[in-house]
Amino acid sequence: MVGPSLSDDEMRLASYRLQIGFVLLVGISAGFIALAADAALPQVGIAFAGGTLLGIALLVFLSYWGREFVGVNRR
């Protein structure tokens, strides 16, 4: 039989990097939206910070929801 290609540590590291990338994607997206709206540099920073916080909140929500979904459908 074929086993998993990643060890547990490698899987955990890949998951952690994916989570960081997701949060940064949301934060950078908010900063770019502020730039597109001709915002001043401090406003772009505030938008990036707010987007990053929103990304963290969304990640926590999706993690909670995902654990609940997996727990219900596990046989």
Protein backbone atom coordinates (compact mmCIF):
# COMPACT_ATOMS: atom_id res chain seq x y z
CA MET A 1 0.00 0.00 0.00
CA VAL A 2 1.01 3.55 -0.53
CA GLY A 3 1.28 5.74 2.56
CA PRO A 4 1.13 9.52 2.89
CA SER A 5 3.90 11.41 1.13
CA LEU A 6 4.35 13.87 4.00
CA SER A 7 5.25 13.14 7.60
CA ASP A 8 3.15 14.60 10.41
CA ASP A 9 5.67 17.40 11.00
CA GLU A 10 5.77 18.27 7.31
CA MET A 11 1.98 18.25 7.14
CA ARG A 12 1.74 20.55 10.17
CA LEU A 13 4.32 22.95 8.66
CA ALA A 14 2.51 23.00 5.31
CA SER A 15 -0.79 23.69 7.05
CA TYR A 16 0.76 26.51 9.10
CA ARG A 17 2.24 28.10 5.95
CA LEU A 18 -1.10 27.85 4.18
CA GLN A 19 -2.83 29.59 7.08
CA ILE A 20 -0.26 32.41 7.09
CA GLY A 21 -0.61 32.77 3.33
CA PHE A 22 -4.39 32.97 3.62
CA VAL A 23 -4.26 35.68 6.28
CA LEU A 24 -1.68 37.69 4.30
CA LEU A 25 -3.74 37.33 1.13
CA VAL A 26 -6.76 38.88 2.82
CA GLY A 27 -4.64 41.66 4.38
CA ILE A 28 -2.77 42.53 1.18
CA SER A 29 -6.03 42.46 -0.76
CA ALA A 30 -7.51 45.04 1.62
CA GLY A 31 -4.41 47.21 1.20
CA PHE A 32 -4.63 47.02 -2.59
CA ILE A 33 -8.30 47.93 -2.49
CA ALA A 34 -7.40 51.00 -0.43
CA LEU A 35 -4.68 51.88 -2.98
CA ALA A 36 -7.17 51.51 -5.82
CA ALA A 37 -9.45 53.98 -4.00
CA ASP A 38 -6.57 56.54 -3.88
CA ALA A 39 -6.18 56.32 -0.12
CA ALA A 40 -3.28 57.98 1.68
CA LEU A 41 -0.42 55.81 2.95
CA PRO A 42 -1.66 55.72 6.58
CA GLN A 43 -5.08 54.68 5.35
CA VAL A 44 -3.53 51.89 3.30
CA GLY A 45 -1.72 50.70 6.43
CA ILE A 46 -4.93 50.76 8.42
CA ALA A 47 -6.70 48.84 5.66
CA PHE A 48 -3.89 46.25 5.62
CA ALA A 49 -4.05 45.88 9.41
CA GLY A 50 -7.85 45.63 9.37
CA GLY A 51 -7.75 43.12 6.52
CA THR A 52 -5.19 41.05 8.39
CA LEU A 53 -7.39 41.01 11.49
CA LEU A 54 -10.36 40.08 9.32
CA GLY A 55 -8.29 37.29 7.77
CA ILE A 56 -7.41 35.95 11.22
CA ALA A 57 -11.07 36.06 12.28
CA LEU A 58 -12.10 34.30 9.08
CA LEU A 59 -9.42 31.66 9.58
CA VAL A 60 -10.58 30.99 13.15
CA PHE A 61 -14.17 30.71 11.97
CA LEU A 62 -13.30 28.37 9.10
CA SER A 63 -11.11 26.24 11.38
CA TYR A 64 -13.93 25.89 13.90
CA TRP A 65 -16.46 25.14 11.18
CA GLY A 66 -14.14 22.66 9.50
CA ARG A 67 -13.53 20.72 12.73
CA GLU A 68 -17.27 20.59 13.35
CA PHE A 69 -17.92 19.39 9.79
CA VAL A 70 -15.25 16.68 9.95
CA GLY A 71 -16.48 15.53 13.36
CA VAL A 72 -20.04 15.08 12.11
CA ASN A 73 -19.09 13.22 8.94
CA ARG A 74 -16.43 10.93 10.43
CA ARG A 75 -17.53 7.30 10.41
